């Protein structure tokens, strides 16, 4: 079913897959998780964990409905471990996989973080796996283009291995600062930068070593994105102070 897409992924280090989840599922998840955004619409780390989501929900304690925390965190975890996600991992990752962490980036139009643009980086810089065994499945709940802050990639850069990079704050950084532990683009890739135009309700699979970044959102359209992060079972990874990666079983 995904043979052509698998060839594209192996060559380029990323691939876009449309309508893995239904539009209703995308709308419902976006509706649920927006309840927990703060006034700046800062990113949420590990919304699939009850305690993590509760800690980041900045509403007055009297206003927080614990059932909402439970519903959203359970829903986020069910997406990470959904058989459709596991099937994609089986096809594109090709090894027994475990979950590690998740993140939700609102990229809300006109918010404090709408101007945020990620510097070119490799996701694997953070868990620091030496065997290129890290992969992310990124669910874009709405369409994304250059105007509203889509991502760009350097196709084929995943074959370079893990590159040296500067260690920048990449979670709830100060407003006006751009996140991403920036790596230097090798000369042979500098003219290969490719903007990724993403239809609403699509999953972008990214190899952890594929260099990518994003644009600011200069539009009136938000660009919500749920990132689920995985690694081959048995591989070493850095836990991280913010991400607090841990082994998550994908077998329901």
C-alpha atoms as a PDB file:
ATOM      1  CA  UNK A   1       0.000   0.000   0.000  1.00  0.00           C
ATOM      2  CA  UNK A   2       2.760   2.454   0.959  1.00  0.00           C
ATOM      3  CA  UNK A   3       5.560   1.066  -1.256  1.00  0.00           C
ATOM      4  CA  UNK A   4       5.978   4.249  -3.360  1.00  0.00           C
ATOM      5  CA  UNK A   5       5.836   6.400  -0.235  1.00  0.00           C
ATOM      6  CA  UNK A   6       8.408   4.151   1.439  1.00  0.00           C
ATOM      7  CA  UNK A   7      10.808   4.648  -1.475  1.00  0.00           C
ATOM      8  CA  UNK A   8      10.285   8.417  -1.219  1.00  0.00           C
ATOM      9  CA  UNK A   9      10.890   8.344   2.545  1.00  0.00           C
ATOM     10  CA  UNK A  10      14.056   6.253   2.234  1.00  0.00           C
ATOM     11  CA  UNK A  11      15.437   8.679  -0.348  1.00  0.00           C
ATOM     12  CA  UNK A  12      14.391  11.966   1.238  1.00  0.00           C
ATOM     13  CA  UNK A  13      14.009  11.342   4.975  1.00  0.00           C
ATOM     14  CA  UNK A  14      10.389  12.498   5.112  1.00  0.00           C
ATOM     15  CA  UNK A  15       7.026  11.737   3.538  1.00  0.00           C
ATOM     16  CA  UNK A  16       3.485  13.166   3.689  1.00  0.00           C
ATOM     17  CA  UNK A  17       0.511  10.829   4.155  1.00  0.00           C
ATOM     18  CA  UNK A  18      -3.039  12.174   3.914  1.00  0.00           C
ATOM     19  CA  UNK A  19      -6.186  11.123   5.774  1.00  0.00           C
ATOM     20  CA  UNK A  20      -4.714   8.455   8.038  1.00  0.00           C
ATOM     21  CA  UNK A  21      -7.210   9.689  10.629  1.00  0.00           C
ATOM     22  CA  UNK A  22     -10.664  10.987   9.768  1.00  0.00           C
ATOM     23  CA  UNK A  23     -11.424  14.701   9.545  1.00  0.00           C
ATOM     24  CA  UNK A  24     -13.789  14.282  12.495  1.00  0.00           C
ATOM     25  CA  UNK A  25     -10.974  12.803  14.575  1.00  0.00           C
ATOM     26  CA  UNK A  26      -8.677  15.688  13.659  1.00  0.00           C
ATOM     27  CA  UNK A  27     -11.326  18.275  14.537  1.00  0.00           C
ATOM     28  CA  UNK A  28     -12.190  16.618  17.846  1.00  0.00           C
ATOM     29  CA  UNK A  29      -8.573  16.301  18.987  1.00  0.00           C
ATOM     30  CA  UNK A  30      -7.874  19.933  18.107  1.00  0.00           C
ATOM     31  CA  UNK A  31     -10.980  21.002  20.022  1.00  0.00           C
ATOM     32  CA  UNK A  32      -9.975  18.983  23.078  1.00  0.00           C
ATOM     33  CA  UNK A  33      -6.370  20.108  23.310  1.00  0.00           C
ATOM     34  CA  UNK A  34      -7.110  23.801  22.773  1.00  0.00           C
ATOM     35  CA  UNK A  35      -8.845  23.792  26.169  1.00  0.00           C
ATOM     36  CA  UNK A  36      -5.409  23.535  27.799  1.00  0.00           C
ATOM     37  CA  UNK A  37      -3.584  26.301  25.897  1.00  0.00           C
ATOM     38  CA  UNK A  38      -2.351  29.257  27.909  1.00  0.00           C
ATOM     39  CA  UNK A  39      -2.981  32.828  26.779  1.00  0.00           C
ATOM     40  CA  UNK A  40       0.246  32.786  24.718  1.00  0.00           C
ATOM     41  CA  UNK A  41      -0.584  29.446  23.096  1.00  0.00           C
ATOM     42  CA  UNK A  42       2.803  28.073  24.140  1.00  0.00           C
ATOM     43  CA  UNK A  43       3.634  24.489  23.203  1.00  0.00           C
ATOM     44  CA  UNK A  44       2.528  21.582  25.382  1.00  0.00           C
ATOM     45  CA  UNK A  45       5.030  18.851  26.193  1.00  0.00           C
ATOM     46  CA  UNK A  46       3.759  15.298  26.675  1.00  0.00           C
ATOM     47  CA  UNK A  47       0.028  16.055  26.635  1.00  0.00           C
ATOM     48  CA  UNK A  48      -0.428  12.265  26.557  1.00  0.00           C
ATOM     49  CA  UNK A  49       0.517  12.194  30.271  1.00  0.00           C
ATOM     50  CA  UNK A  50      -2.080  13.270  32.804  1.00  0.00           C
ATOM     51  CA  UNK A  51       0.342  14.855  35.288  1.00  0.00           C
ATOM     52  CA  UNK A  52       2.244  16.693  32.551  1.00  0.00           C
ATOM     53  CA  UNK A  53      -0.892  18.178  31.049  1.00  0.00           C
ATOM     54  CA  UNK A  54      -2.264  19.128  34.458  1.00  0.00           C
ATOM     55  CA  UNK A  55       1.000  20.900  35.340  1.00  0.00           C
ATOM     56  CA  UNK A  56       0.955  22.957  32.118  1.00  0.00           C
ATOM     57  CA  UNK A  57      -2.734  23.926  32.262  1.00  0.00           C
ATOM     58  CA  UNK A  58      -2.544  27.492  33.577  1.00  0.00           C
ATOM     59  CA  UNK A  59      -6.230  28.021  34.206  1.00  0.00           C
ATOM     60  CA  UNK A  60      -7.163  28.800  37.822  1.00  0.00           C
ATOM     61  CA  UNK A  61      -7.383  25.538  39.700  1.00  0.00           C
ATOM     62  CA  UNK A  62     -11.036  26.232  40.411  1.00  0.00           C
ATOM     63  CA  UNK A  63     -11.702  26.330  36.642  1.00  0.00           C
ATOM     64  CA  UNK A  64      -9.817  23.194  35.653  1.00  0.00           C
ATOM     65  CA  UNK A  65     -12.061  20.223  35.059  1.00  0.00           C
ATOM     66  CA  UNK A  66      -9.991  17.165  35.865  1.00  0.00           C
ATOM     67  CA  UNK A  67     -12.175  15.079  33.587  1.00  0.00           C
ATOM     68  CA  UNK A  68     -10.988  17.288  30.702  1.00  0.00           C
ATOM     69  CA  UNK A  69      -7.366  16.612  31.623  1.00  0.00           C
ATOM     70  CA  UNK A  70      -8.117  12.907  31.717  1.00  0.00           C
ATOM     71  CA  UNK A  71      -9.997  12.976  28.411  1.00  0.00           C
ATOM     72  CA  UNK A  72      -7.312  14.887  26.507  1.00  0.00           C
ATOM     73  CA  UNK A  73      -4.329  12.987  27.884  1.00  0.00           C
ATOM     74  CA  UNK A  74      -6.024   9.656  27.256  1.00  0.00           C
ATOM     75  CA  UNK A  75      -6.917  10.738  23.727  1.00  0.00           C
ATOM     76  CA  UNK A  76      -3.349  11.908  23.005  1.00  0.00           C
ATOM     77  CA  UNK A  77      -1.916   8.611  24.258  1.00  0.00           C
ATOM     78  CA  UNK A  78      -4.441   6.635  22.210  1.00  0.00           C
ATOM     79  CA  UNK A  79      -3.302   8.515  19.087  1.00  0.00           C
ATOM     80  CA  UNK A  80       0.359   7.751  19.806  1.00  0.00           C
ATOM     81  CA  UNK A  81      -0.403   4.067  20.176  1.00  0.00           C
ATOM     82  CA  UNK A  82      -3.190   3.801  17.590  1.00  0.00           C
ATOM     83  CA  UNK A  83      -2.886   0.770  15.300  1.00  0.00           C
ATOM     84  CA  UNK A  84      -2.771   3.125  12.314  1.00  0.00           C
ATOM     85  CA  UNK A  85       0.303   4.838  13.744  1.00  0.00           C
ATOM     86  CA  UNK A  86       1.897   1.502  14.615  1.00  0.00           C
ATOM     87  CA  UNK A  87       1.237   0.286  11.074  1.00  0.00           C
ATOM     88  CA  UNK A  88       3.044   3.341   9.681  1.00  0.00           C
ATOM     89  CA  UNK A  89       5.973   2.715  12.011  1.00  0.00           C
ATOM     90  CA  UNK A  90       6.143  -0.928  10.906  1.00  0.00           C
ATOM     91  CA  UNK A  91       6.294   0.198   7.276  1.00  0.00           C
ATOM     92  CA  UNK A  92       8.560   3.227   7.442  1.00  0.00           C
ATOM     93  CA  UNK A  93      10.702   2.499  10.493  1.00  0.00           C
ATOM     94  CA  UNK A  94      11.100  -1.202   9.890  1.00  0.00           C
ATOM     95  CA  UNK A  95      11.828  -2.354  13.434  1.00  0.00           C
ATOM     96  CA  UNK A  96      10.052  -2.969  16.713  1.00  0.00           C
ATOM     97  CA  UNK A  97       9.304   0.491  18.025  1.00  0.00           C
ATOM     98  CA  UNK A  98       8.421   2.116  21.341  1.00  0.00           C
ATOM     99  CA  UNK A  99       7.000   5.564  22.063  1.00  0.00           C
ATOM    100  CA  UNK A 100       9.108   8.152  23.861  1.00  0.00           C
ATOM    101  CA  UNK A 101       7.306  11.499  24.120  1.00  0.00           C
ATOM    102  CA  UNK A 102       4.875  13.883  22.458  1.00  0.00           C
ATOM    103  CA  UNK A 103       4.415  17.584  21.873  1.00  0.00           C
ATOM    104  CA  UNK A 104       1.649  19.876  20.659  1.00  0.00           C
ATOM    105  CA  UNK A 105       2.537  23.115  18.870  1.00  0.00           C
ATOM    106  CA  UNK A 106      -0.414  25.463  18.315  1.00  0.00           C
ATOM    107  CA  UNK A 107       1.244  28.047  16.026  1.00  0.00           C
ATOM    108  CA  UNK A 108      -1.878  30.078  16.758  1.00  0.00           C
ATOM    109  CA  UNK A 109      -2.510  33.035  14.473  1.00  0.00           C
ATOM    110  CA  UNK A 110      -1.851  36.394  16.169  1.00  0.00           C
ATOM    111  CA  UNK A 111      -0.544  34.716  19.334  1.00  0.00           C
ATOM    112  CA  UNK A 112       2.741  35.476  21.105  1.00  0.00           C
ATOM    113  CA  UNK A 113       4.319  32.477  19.386  1.00  0.00           C
ATOM    114  CA  UNK A 114       2.939  33.007  15.881  1.00  0.00           C
ATOM    115  CA  UNK A 115       6.210  34.633  14.773  1.00  0.00           C
ATOM    116  CA  UNK A 116       8.231  31.658  16.006  1.00  0.00           C
ATOM    117  CA  UNK A 117      10.328  30.018  13.291  1.00  0.00           C
ATOM    118  CA  UNK A 118      12.353  26.910  14.065  1.00  0.00           C
ATOM    119  CA  UNK A 119      15.983  27.029  13.022  1.00  0.00           C
ATOM    120  CA  UNK A 120      17.267  24.205  10.801  1.00  0.00           C
ATOM    121  CA  UNK A 121      17.900  21.280  13.099  1.00  0.00           C
ATOM    122  CA  UNK A 122      17.736  17.498  13.463  1.00  0.00           C
ATOM    123  CA  UNK A 123      15.158  16.103  15.874  1.00  0.00           C
ATOM    124  CA  UNK A 124      17.615  13.400  16.884  1.00  0.00           C
ATOM    125  CA  UNK A 125      19.861  16.069  18.414  1.00  0.00           C
ATOM    126  CA  UNK A 126      17.616  15.896  21.489  1.00  0.00           C
ATOM    127  CA  UNK A 127      17.460  12.136  22.271  1.00  0.00           C
ATOM    128  CA  UNK A 128      20.990  11.791  20.817  1.00  0.00           C
ATOM    129  CA  UNK A 129      20.618   8.282  19.422  1.00  0.00           C
ATOM    130  CA  UNK A 130      23.792   7.137  17.645  1.00  0.00           C
ATOM    131  CA  UNK A 131      22.099   4.661  15.307  1.00  0.00           C
ATOM    132  CA  UNK A 132      19.553   6.889  13.514  1.00  0.00           C
ATOM    133  CA  UNK A 133      16.782   4.930  15.226  1.00  0.00           C
ATOM    134  CA  UNK A 134      14.623   7.973  16.123  1.00  0.00           C
ATOM    135  CA  UNK A 135      11.526   8.959  14.142  1.00  0.00           C
ATOM    136  CA  UNK A 136       8.592  11.351  14.556  1.00  0.00           C
ATOM    137  CA  UNK A 137       5.032  11.146  13.219  1.00  0.00           C
ATOM    138  CA  UNK A 138       3.654  14.669  12.975  1.00  0.00           C
ATOM    139  CA  UNK A 139      -0.106  15.118  12.600  1.00  0.00           C
ATOM    140  CA  UNK A 140      -0.977  18.463  10.991  1.00  0.00           C
ATOM    141  CA  UNK A 141      -4.588  19.045  12.003  1.00  0.00           C
ATOM    142  CA  UNK A 142      -4.986  21.907   9.524  1.00  0.00           C
ATOM    143  CA  UNK A 143      -3.303  22.801   6.253  1.00  0.00           C
ATOM    144  CA  UNK A 144       0.187  24.279   6.326  1.00  0.00           C
ATOM    145  CA  UNK A 145       1.992  26.434   3.790  1.00  0.00           C
ATOM    146  CA  UNK A 146       4.750  29.022   3.917  1.00  0.00           C
ATOM    147  CA  UNK A 147       2.329  31.797   4.845  1.00  0.00           C
ATOM    148  CA  UNK A 148       1.082  30.128   8.034  1.00  0.00           C
ATOM    149  CA  UNK A 149       4.362  28.583   9.132  1.00  0.00           C
ATOM    150  CA  UNK A 150       4.894  25.251   7.427  1.00  0.00           C
ATOM    151  CA  UNK A 151       8.117  23.290   7.703  1.00  0.00           C
ATOM    152  CA  UNK A 152      10.942  23.020   5.211  1.00  0.00           C
ATOM    153  CA  UNK A 153      13.336  20.107   4.795  1.00  0.00           C
ATOM    154  CA  UNK A 154      16.659  19.285   3.215  1.00  0.00           C
ATOM    155  CA  UNK A 155      15.856  16.060   1.331  1.00  0.00           C
ATOM    156  CA  UNK A 156      18.430  13.322   1.782  1.00  0.00           C
ATOM    157  CA  UNK A 157      20.118  15.007   4.749  1.00  0.00           C
ATOM    158  CA  UNK A 158      19.092  12.119   7.007  1.00  0.00           C
ATOM    159  CA  UNK A 159      21.900  10.105   5.397  1.00  0.00           C
ATOM    160  CA  UNK A 160      24.530  12.457   6.835  1.00  0.00           C
ATOM    161  CA  UNK A 161      24.189  11.076  10.357  1.00  0.00           C
ATOM    162  CA  UNK A 162      23.896  13.235  13.446  1.00  0.00           C
ATOM    163  CA  UNK A 163      25.627  16.589  12.921  1.00  0.00           C
ATOM    164  CA  UNK A 164      27.175  18.942  15.511  1.00  0.00           C
ATOM    165  CA  UNK A 165      24.733  21.637  16.646  1.00  0.00           C
ATOM    166  CA  UNK A 166      24.426  24.490  19.101  1.00  0.00           C
ATOM    167  CA  UNK A 167      22.255  23.760  22.102  1.00  0.00           C
ATOM    168  CA  UNK A 168      19.377  26.262  22.035  1.00  0.00           C
ATOM    169  CA  UNK A 169      16.301  26.336  24.262  1.00  0.00           C
ATOM    170  CA  UNK A 170      13.551  24.667  22.240  1.00  0.00           C
ATOM    171  CA  UNK A 171      10.572  24.503  24.599  1.00  0.00           C
ATOM    172  CA  UNK A 172       8.735  27.558  25.881  1.00  0.00           C
ATOM    173  CA  UNK A 173      11.649  29.752  24.923  1.00  0.00           C
ATOM    174  CA  UNK A 174      11.261  33.489  25.415  1.00  0.00           C
ATOM    175  CA  UNK A 175       8.756  35.081  23.072  1.00  0.00           C
ATOM    176  CA  UNK A 176      10.635  36.499  20.111  1.00  0.00           C
ATOM    177  CA  UNK A 177      13.353  33.851  20.225  1.00  0.00           C
ATOM    178  CA  UNK A 178      13.497  31.102  17.634  1.00  0.00           C
ATOM    179  CA  UNK A 179      13.882  27.530  18.922  1.00  0.00           C
ATOM    180  CA  UNK A 180      15.832  24.676  17.384  1.00  0.00           C
ATOM    181  CA  UNK A 181      19.358  23.477  18.101  1.00  0.00           C
ATOM    182  CA  UNK A 182      20.725  24.725  14.811  1.00  0.00           C
ATOM    183  CA  UNK A 183      23.116  22.616  12.783  1.00  0.00           C
ATOM    184  CA  UNK A 184      25.222  23.870   9.901  1.00  0.00           C
ATOM    185  CA  UNK A 185      23.900  22.942   6.463  1.00  0.00           C
ATOM    186  CA  UNK A 186      26.604  21.109   4.474  1.00  0.00           C
ATOM    187  CA  UNK A 187      27.499  22.904   1.244  1.00  0.00           C
ATOM    188  CA  UNK A 188      26.079  20.159  -0.964  1.00  0.00           C
ATOM    189  CA  UNK A 189      22.645  20.589   0.640  1.00  0.00           C
ATOM    190  CA  UNK A 190      22.356  24.383   0.802  1.00  0.00           C
ATOM    191  CA  UNK A 191      20.473  24.566  -2.516  1.00  0.00           C
ATOM    192  CA  UNK A 192      18.151  21.655  -1.668  1.00  0.00           C
ATOM    193  CA  UNK A 193      15.903  23.429   0.815  1.00  0.00           C
ATOM    194  CA  UNK A 194      12.325  22.327   0.083  1.00  0.00           C
ATOM    195  CA  UNK A 195       9.146  23.908   1.468  1.00  0.00           C
ATOM    196  CA  UNK A 196       6.646  21.228   2.510  1.00  0.00           C
ATOM    197  CA  UNK A 197       3.063  22.121   1.585  1.00  0.00           C
ATOM    198  CA  UNK A 198       0.813  20.021   3.790  1.00  0.00           C
ATOM    199  CA  UNK A 199      -2.916  19.359   3.287  1.00  0.00           C
ATOM    200  CA  UNK A 200      -5.143  19.510   6.363  1.00  0.00           C
ATOM    201  CA  UNK A 201      -5.284  16.269   8.357  1.00  0.00           C
ATOM    202  CA  UNK A 202      -2.004  14.852   7.082  1.00  0.00           C
ATOM    203  CA  UNK A 203       0.845  13.068   8.843  1.00  0.00           C
ATOM    204  CA  UNK A 204       4.420  14.013   8.037  1.00  0.00           C
ATOM    205  CA  UNK A 205       6.847  11.239   8.913  1.00  0.00           C
ATOM    206  CA  UNK A 206      10.300  12.616   9.666  1.00  0.00           C
ATOM    207  CA  UNK A 207      13.501  10.673  10.058  1.00  0.00           C
ATOM    208  CA  UNK A 208      15.209  11.964  13.206  1.00  0.00           C
ATOM    209  CA  UNK A 209      18.316  12.944  11.253  1.00  0.00           C
ATOM    210  CA  UNK A 210      16.500  14.838   8.473  1.00  0.00           C
ATOM    211  CA  UNK A 211      17.417  18.537   8.710  1.00  0.00           C
ATOM    212  CA  UNK A 212      14.318  20.729   8.834  1.00  0.00           C
ATOM    213  CA  UNK A 213      12.955  23.983  10.234  1.00  0.00           C
ATOM    214  CA  UNK A 214       9.819  26.103   9.975  1.00  0.00           C
ATOM    215  CA  UNK A 215       8.553  29.533   8.963  1.00  0.00           C
ATOM    216  CA  UNK A 216       6.717  32.123  11.094  1.00  0.00           C
ATOM    217  CA  UNK A 217       2.948  32.267  10.876  1.00  0.00           C
ATOM    218  CA  UNK A 218       2.182  35.558   9.137  1.00  0.00           C
ATOM    219  CA  UNK A 219      -1.410  34.670   8.311  1.00  0.00           C
ATOM    220  CA  UNK A 220      -4.814  34.579   9.997  1.00  0.00           C
ATOM    221  CA  UNK A 221      -4.745  30.754   9.943  1.00  0.00           C
ATOM    222  CA  UNK A 222      -3.452  28.632  12.819  1.00  0.00           C
ATOM    223  CA  UNK A 223      -1.177  25.653  12.207  1.00  0.00           C
ATOM    224  CA  UNK A 224      -1.807  23.079  14.994  1.00  0.00           C
ATOM    225  CA  UNK A 225       0.542  20.108  14.989  1.00  0.00           C
ATOM    226  CA  UNK A 226       0.763  17.016  17.246  1.00  0.00           C
ATOM    227  CA  UNK A 227       4.156  15.319  17.224  1.00  0.00           C
ATOM    228  CA  UNK A 228       4.531  11.721  18.428  1.00  0.00           C
ATOM    229  CA  UNK A 229       8.107  10.556  18.943  1.00  0.00           C
ATOM    230  CA  UNK A 230       9.424   6.996  18.705  1.00  0.00           C
ATOM    231  CA  UNK A 231      12.614   4.941  18.745  1.00  0.00           C
ATOM    232  CA  UNK A 232      13.602   1.361  18.017  1.00  0.00           C
ATOM    233  CA  UNK A 233      13.166  -0.843  21.065  1.00  0.00           C
ATOM    234  CA  UNK A 234      16.453  -1.444  22.871  1.00  0.00           C
ATOM    235  CA  UNK A 235      18.134   1.724  21.573  1.00  0.00           C
ATOM    236  CA  UNK A 236      19.699   4.253  23.927  1.00  0.00           C
ATOM    237  CA  UNK A 237      18.283   7.759  24.257  1.00  0.00           C
ATOM    238  CA  UNK A 238      18.717  10.877  26.362  1.00  0.00           C
ATOM    239  CA  UNK A 239      15.762  11.406  28.727  1.00  0.00           C
ATOM    240  CA  UNK A 240      15.882  15.218  28.598  1.00  0.00           C
ATOM    241  CA  UNK A 241      14.890  17.778  31.240  1.00  0.00           C
ATOM    242  CA  UNK A 242      11.793  19.016  29.407  1.00  0.00           C
ATOM    243  CA  UNK A 243      10.816  16.048  27.246  1.00  0.00           C
ATOM    244  CA  UNK A 244      11.345  13.473  30.012  1.00  0.00           C
ATOM    245  CA  UNK A 245      11.376  10.672  27.451  1.00  0.00           C
ATOM    246  CA  UNK A 246      10.317   7.264  28.675  1.00  0.00           C
ATOM    247  CA  UNK A 247       9.487   3.917  27.113  1.00  0.00           C
ATOM    248  CA  UNK A 248       5.827   3.713  26.041  1.00  0.00           C
ATOM    249  CA  UNK A 249       4.505   0.350  24.925  1.00  0.00           C
ATOM    250  CA  UNK A 250       2.669   0.527  21.589  1.00  0.00           C
ATOM    251  CA  UNK A 251       0.868  -2.761  22.009  1.00  0.00           C
ATOM    252  CA  UNK A 252      -2.722  -2.084  23.090  1.00  0.00           C
END
